[in-house]
Amino acid sequence: MPRQKLRDAAFILPFFGLILIMPPFVDIFFSVRLLGGIPVILLYIFCAWTALIVLGWVLSRRLVTDAETAEPRAPILHPMPPEQRDADG
């Protein structure tokens, strides 16, 4: 996946997480049902939270890996020669 798409996905992830825990989505799982003795709404919230953490971790690892394999950037060129910078500063 290109680096820009990874950065976009990392930027959108918190907003996606916010949508997942907003009342319209959480209310879908609001019921008296229990799954393994645990209310379904709690399972939904903690599974969504865990999925967001894992996705964030995967995205961060891919971004770091892409940054290490990317071509080095050109050096920053100063408008003044070093002799003038040392004399002025």
C-alpha atoms as a PDB file:
ATOM      1  CA  MET A   1       0.000   0.000   0.000  1.00  0.00           C
ATOM      2  CA  PRO A   2       1.430   3.420  -0.875  1.00  0.00           C
ATOM      3  CA  ARG A   3       2.636   5.572   1.998  1.00  0.00           C
ATOM      4  CA  GLN A   4       0.039   8.307   1.381  1.00  0.00           C
ATOM      5  CA  LYS A   5      -2.810   5.789   1.628  1.00  0.00           C
ATOM      6  CA  LEU A   6      -1.381   4.466   4.893  1.00  0.00           C
ATOM      7  CA  ARG A   7      -1.182   8.010   6.275  1.00  0.00           C
ATOM      8  CA  ASP A   8      -4.771   8.669   5.184  1.00  0.00           C
ATOM      9  CA  ALA A   9      -5.943   5.449   6.839  1.00  0.00           C
ATOM     10  CA  ALA A  10      -4.101   6.362  10.047  1.00  0.00           C
ATOM     11  CA  PHE A  11      -5.744   9.805   9.970  1.00  0.00           C
ATOM     12  CA  ILE A  12      -9.258   8.386   9.454  1.00  0.00           C
ATOM     13  CA  LEU A  13      -8.967   5.582  12.040  1.00  0.00           C
ATOM     14  CA  PRO A  14      -9.844   7.719  15.123  1.00  0.00           C
ATOM     15  CA  PHE A  15     -12.898   9.142  13.368  1.00  0.00           C
ATOM     16  CA  PHE A  16     -13.985   5.630  12.384  1.00  0.00           C
ATOM     17  CA  GLY A  17     -13.579   4.596  16.025  1.00  0.00           C
ATOM     18  CA  LEU A  18     -15.668   7.537  17.150  1.00  0.00           C
ATOM     19  CA  ILE A  19     -18.450   6.491  14.784  1.00  0.00           C
ATOM     20  CA  LEU A  20     -18.286   2.912  16.080  1.00  0.00           C
ATOM     21  CA  ILE A  21     -18.933   3.977  19.671  1.00  0.00           C
ATOM     22  CA  MET A  22     -21.638   6.542  18.935  1.00  0.00           C
ATOM     23  CA  PRO A  23     -25.091   5.709  20.307  1.00  0.00           C
ATOM     24  CA  PRO A  24     -26.748   4.705  16.991  1.00  0.00           C
ATOM     25  CA  PHE A  25     -24.248   1.862  16.539  1.00  0.00           C
ATOM     26  CA  VAL A  26     -24.036   0.917  20.203  1.00  0.00           C
ATOM     27  CA  ASP A  27     -27.846   0.824  20.473  1.00  0.00           C
ATOM     28  CA  ILE A  28     -27.917  -1.989  17.905  1.00  0.00           C
ATOM     29  CA  PHE A  29     -26.323  -4.234  20.524  1.00  0.00           C
ATOM     30  CA  PHE A  30     -28.330  -2.922  23.486  1.00  0.00           C
ATOM     31  CA  SER A  31     -30.428  -5.812  24.720  1.00  0.00           C
ATOM     32  CA  VAL A  32     -30.925  -8.085  27.666  1.00  0.00           C
ATOM     33  CA  ARG A  33     -29.121 -10.923  25.889  1.00  0.00           C
ATOM     34  CA  LEU A  34     -25.990 -12.381  27.394  1.00  0.00           C
ATOM     35  CA  LEU A  35     -23.199 -14.126  25.559  1.00  0.00           C
ATOM     36  CA  GLY A  36     -21.114 -16.257  27.881  1.00  0.00           C
ATOM     37  CA  GLY A  37     -22.595 -14.389  30.839  1.00  0.00           C
ATOM     38  CA  ILE A  38     -21.474 -11.005  29.466  1.00  0.00           C
ATOM     39  CA  PRO A  39     -23.896  -8.415  28.083  1.00  0.00           C
ATOM     40  CA  VAL A  40     -23.636  -8.167  24.285  1.00  0.00           C
ATOM     41  CA  ILE A  41     -23.209  -4.378  24.425  1.00  0.00           C
ATOM     42  CA  LEU A  42     -20.037  -4.735  26.520  1.00  0.00           C
ATOM     43  CA  LEU A  43     -18.669  -7.339  24.138  1.00  0.00           C
ATOM     44  CA  TYR A  44     -19.317  -4.989  21.205  1.00  0.00           C
ATOM     45  CA  ILE A  45     -17.625  -2.018  22.865  1.00  0.00           C
ATOM     46  CA  PHE A  46     -14.542  -3.961  23.951  1.00  0.00           C
ATOM     47  CA  CYS A  47     -14.249  -5.808  20.625  1.00  0.00           C
ATOM     48  CA  ALA A  48     -14.496  -2.499  18.719  1.00  0.00           C
ATOM     49  CA  TRP A  49     -11.922  -0.968  21.072  1.00  0.00           C
ATOM     50  CA  THR A  50      -9.568  -3.930  20.630  1.00  0.00           C
ATOM     51  CA  ALA A  51      -9.990  -3.849  16.843  1.00  0.00           C
ATOM     52  CA  LEU A  52      -9.124  -0.135  16.779  1.00  0.00           C
ATOM     53  CA  ILE A  53      -6.005  -0.741  18.862  1.00  0.00           C
ATOM     54  CA  VAL A  54      -4.890  -3.594  16.597  1.00  0.00           C
ATOM     55  CA  LEU A  55      -5.587  -1.589  13.422  1.00  0.00           C
ATOM     56  CA  GLY A  56      -3.668   1.372  14.828  1.00  0.00           C
ATOM     57  CA  TRP A  57      -0.746  -0.868  15.699  1.00  0.00           C
ATOM     58  CA  VAL A  58      -0.718  -2.468  12.232  1.00  0.00           C
ATOM     59  CA  LEU A  59      -0.897   0.922  10.509  1.00  0.00           C
ATOM     60  CA  SER A  60       1.901   2.328  12.659  1.00  0.00           C
ATOM     61  CA  ARG A  61       4.144  -0.671  11.959  1.00  0.00           C
ATOM     62  CA  ARG A  62       3.505  -0.382   8.208  1.00  0.00           C
ATOM     63  CA  LEU A  63       4.206   3.355   8.279  1.00  0.00           C
ATOM     64  CA  VAL A  64       7.506   2.831  10.118  1.00  0.00           C
ATOM     65  CA  THR A  65       8.501   0.038   7.731  1.00  0.00           C
ATOM     66  CA  ASP A  66       7.682   2.190   4.697  1.00  0.00           C
ATOM     67  CA  ALA A  67       9.608   5.119   6.179  1.00  0.00           C
ATOM     68  CA  GLU A  68      12.706   2.963   6.652  1.00  0.00           C
ATOM     69  CA  THR A  69      12.620   1.612   3.099  1.00  0.00           C
ATOM     70  CA  ALA A  70      11.733   4.927   1.466  1.00  0.00           C
ATOM     71  CA  GLU A  71      14.308   6.806  -0.525  1.00  0.00           C
ATOM     72  CA  PRO A  72      16.190   9.403   1.498  1.00  0.00           C
ATOM     73  CA  ARG A  73      15.066  12.956   0.982  1.00  0.00           C
ATOM     74  CA  ALA A  74      17.278  15.600  -0.519  1.00  0.00           C
ATOM     75  CA  PRO A  75      19.276  17.562   2.061  1.00  0.00           C
ATOM     76  CA  ILE A  76      17.977  20.930   3.137  1.00  0.00           C
ATOM     77  CA  LEU A  77      19.895  23.638   1.347  1.00  0.00           C
ATOM     78  CA  HIS A  78      20.567  26.858   3.192  1.00  0.00           C
ATOM     79  CA  PRO A  79      20.358  30.122   1.260  1.00  0.00           C
ATOM     80  CA  MET A  80      23.634  31.349   2.787  1.00  0.00           C
ATOM     81  CA  PRO A  81      27.039  29.695   2.698  1.00  0.00           C
ATOM     82  CA  PRO A  82      28.268  28.357   6.068  1.00  0.00           C
ATOM     83  CA  GLU A  83      30.775  31.184   6.457  1.00  0.00           C
ATOM     84  CA  GLN A  84      28.042  33.823   6.418  1.00  0.00           C
ATOM     85  CA  ARG A  85      25.759  31.806   8.705  1.00  0.00           C
ATOM     86  CA  ASP A  86      28.527  31.525  11.307  1.00  0.00           C
ATOM     87  CA  ALA A  87      29.336  35.242  11.073  1.00  0.00           C
ATOM     88  CA  ASP A  88      25.676  36.285  11.455  1.00  0.00           C
ATOM     89  CA  GLY A  89      24.733  33.925  14.248  1.00  0.00           C
END
